[in-house]
Amino acid sequence: MIIVYITCADSKEAQKIGKDLLSKRLIACSNVFPIKSLYRWKGKLVNDKEYVLLGKTTENKFHNIIKVVNDLHSYDIPCIEKIKVKSNHAFAQWVKNEVKS
């Protein structure tokens, strides 16, 4: 199982992407929460408010998730990261069942 970590410009964008990934059965569920981000962009230091979308899914869905997020995201270079996780058996099985296609 993996968690997909995606930073978004605002809550609306994070929820839109999350709903699209859910409707395509690329993720089983998502969490959205506000964060404070510090980064360098085009030579300037940026201190910004963003939202994180965490999506629970399986490894084989990651490349399709990248395509969907790139199509919907407002950033030139969105952050789309996968984090391998271990989960309790019942939850992991539920995720696998939800993203089956």
Protein backbone atom coordinates (compact mmCIF):
# COMPACT_ATOMS: atom_id res chain seq x y z
CA MET A 1 0.00 0.00 0.00
CA ILE A 2 1.08 3.58 -0.58
CA ILE A 3 0.02 7.05 0.44
CA VAL A 4 0.13 9.65 -2.29
CA TYR A 5 1.16 13.08 -0.96
CA ILE A 6 0.02 15.99 -3.13
CA THR A 7 0.34 19.68 -2.26
CA CYS A 8 -2.36 21.99 -3.61
CA ALA A 9 -2.93 25.73 -3.84
CA ASP A 10 -6.10 25.64 -1.74
CA SER A 11 -8.76 23.43 -0.22
CA LYS A 12 -10.99 23.64 -3.29
CA GLU A 13 -8.23 22.31 -5.58
CA ALA A 14 -7.31 19.51 -3.14
CA GLN A 15 -10.93 18.41 -2.85
CA LYS A 16 -11.48 18.57 -6.62
CA ILE A 17 -8.43 16.38 -7.26
CA GLY A 18 -9.39 14.01 -4.44
CA LYS A 19 -12.94 13.58 -5.77
CA ASP A 20 -11.66 12.93 -9.28
CA LEU A 21 -9.18 10.31 -8.05
CA LEU A 22 -11.94 8.67 -6.01
CA SER A 23 -14.40 8.64 -8.91
CA LYS A 24 -11.77 6.98 -11.12
CA ARG A 25 -11.08 4.44 -8.33
CA LEU A 26 -7.42 5.46 -8.23
CA ILE A 27 -7.56 6.04 -4.46
CA ALA A 28 -9.72 4.47 -1.77
CA CYS A 29 -9.97 7.57 0.43
CA SER A 30 -8.32 10.92 1.02
CA ASN A 31 -7.52 13.42 3.73
CA VAL A 32 -7.13 17.14 3.12
CA PHE A 33 -5.54 19.52 5.59
CA PRO A 34 -3.86 22.96 5.65
CA ILE A 35 -0.09 23.32 5.84
CA LYS A 36 2.54 26.06 5.83
CA SER A 37 5.15 25.60 3.09
CA LEU A 38 8.58 27.17 2.68
CA TYR A 39 10.36 26.73 -0.65
CA ARG A 40 12.39 28.45 -3.33
CA TRP A 41 10.57 29.22 -6.58
CA LYS A 42 12.05 31.11 -9.53
CA GLY A 43 14.91 32.42 -7.39
CA LYS A 44 12.72 33.68 -4.52
CA LEU A 45 12.00 32.25 -1.09
CA VAL A 46 8.30 31.60 -0.67
CA ASN A 47 6.40 31.27 2.60
CA ASP A 48 2.97 30.06 1.57
CA LYS A 49 -0.24 28.45 2.76
CA GLU A 50 -1.11 25.26 0.91
CA TYR A 51 -3.27 22.20 1.37
CA VAL A 52 -2.11 18.60 1.37
CA LEU A 53 -4.12 15.80 -0.15
CA LEU A 54 -3.22 12.35 1.17
CA GLY A 55 -4.64 9.50 -0.89
CA LYS A 56 -4.55 5.85 0.17
CA THR A 57 -4.03 3.45 -2.71
CA THR A 58 -1.94 0.65 -4.17
CA GLU A 59 1.42 0.87 -5.91
CA ASN A 60 0.04 0.00 -9.35
CA LYS A 61 -2.19 3.11 -9.41
CA PHE A 62 0.63 5.64 -8.97
CA HIS A 63 1.39 6.37 -12.65
CA ASN A 64 -2.29 6.94 -13.44
CA ILE A 65 -2.57 9.24 -10.44
CA ILE A 66 0.34 11.32 -11.76
CA LYS A 67 -1.45 11.76 -15.11
CA VAL A 68 -4.74 12.81 -13.51
CA VAL A 69 -3.12 15.23 -11.08
CA ASN A 70 -1.00 16.84 -13.81
CA ASP A 71 -4.17 17.43 -15.87
CA LEU A 72 -6.11 19.02 -12.98
CA HIS A 73 -3.44 20.83 -10.96
CA SER A 74 -2.84 24.58 -11.10
CA TYR A 75 0.92 24.37 -10.44
CA ASP A 76 3.51 24.16 -13.22
CA ILE A 77 5.26 21.42 -11.26
CA PRO A 78 2.94 19.79 -8.73
CA CYS A 79 4.35 17.79 -5.86
CA ILE A 80 3.15 14.19 -6.28
CA GLU A 81 4.99 11.81 -4.00
CA LYS A 82 4.39 8.21 -2.99
CA ILE A 83 5.12 6.94 0.47
CA LYS A 84 5.19 3.20 1.01
CA VAL A 85 3.31 2.23 4.16
CA LYS A 86 2.32 -0.84 6.09
CA SER A 87 -1.21 -0.98 7.34
CA ASN A 88 -3.41 -3.26 9.38
CA HIS A 89 -4.65 -6.14 7.25
CA ALA A 90 -8.34 -5.19 7.26
CA PHE A 91 -7.67 -1.61 6.13
CA ALA A 92 -5.17 -2.68 3.47
CA GLN A 93 -7.69 -5.18 2.11
CA TRP A 94 -10.40 -2.51 2.01
CA VAL A 95 -8.08 -0.19 0.05
CA LYS A 96 -7.28 -2.96 -2.45
CA ASN A 97 -10.98 -3.70 -2.92
CA GLU A 98 -11.83 -0.02 -3.43
CA VAL A 99 -9.23 0.60 -6.14
CA LYS A 100 -9.86 -2.59 -8.08
CA SER A 101 -10.77 -1.98 -11.68
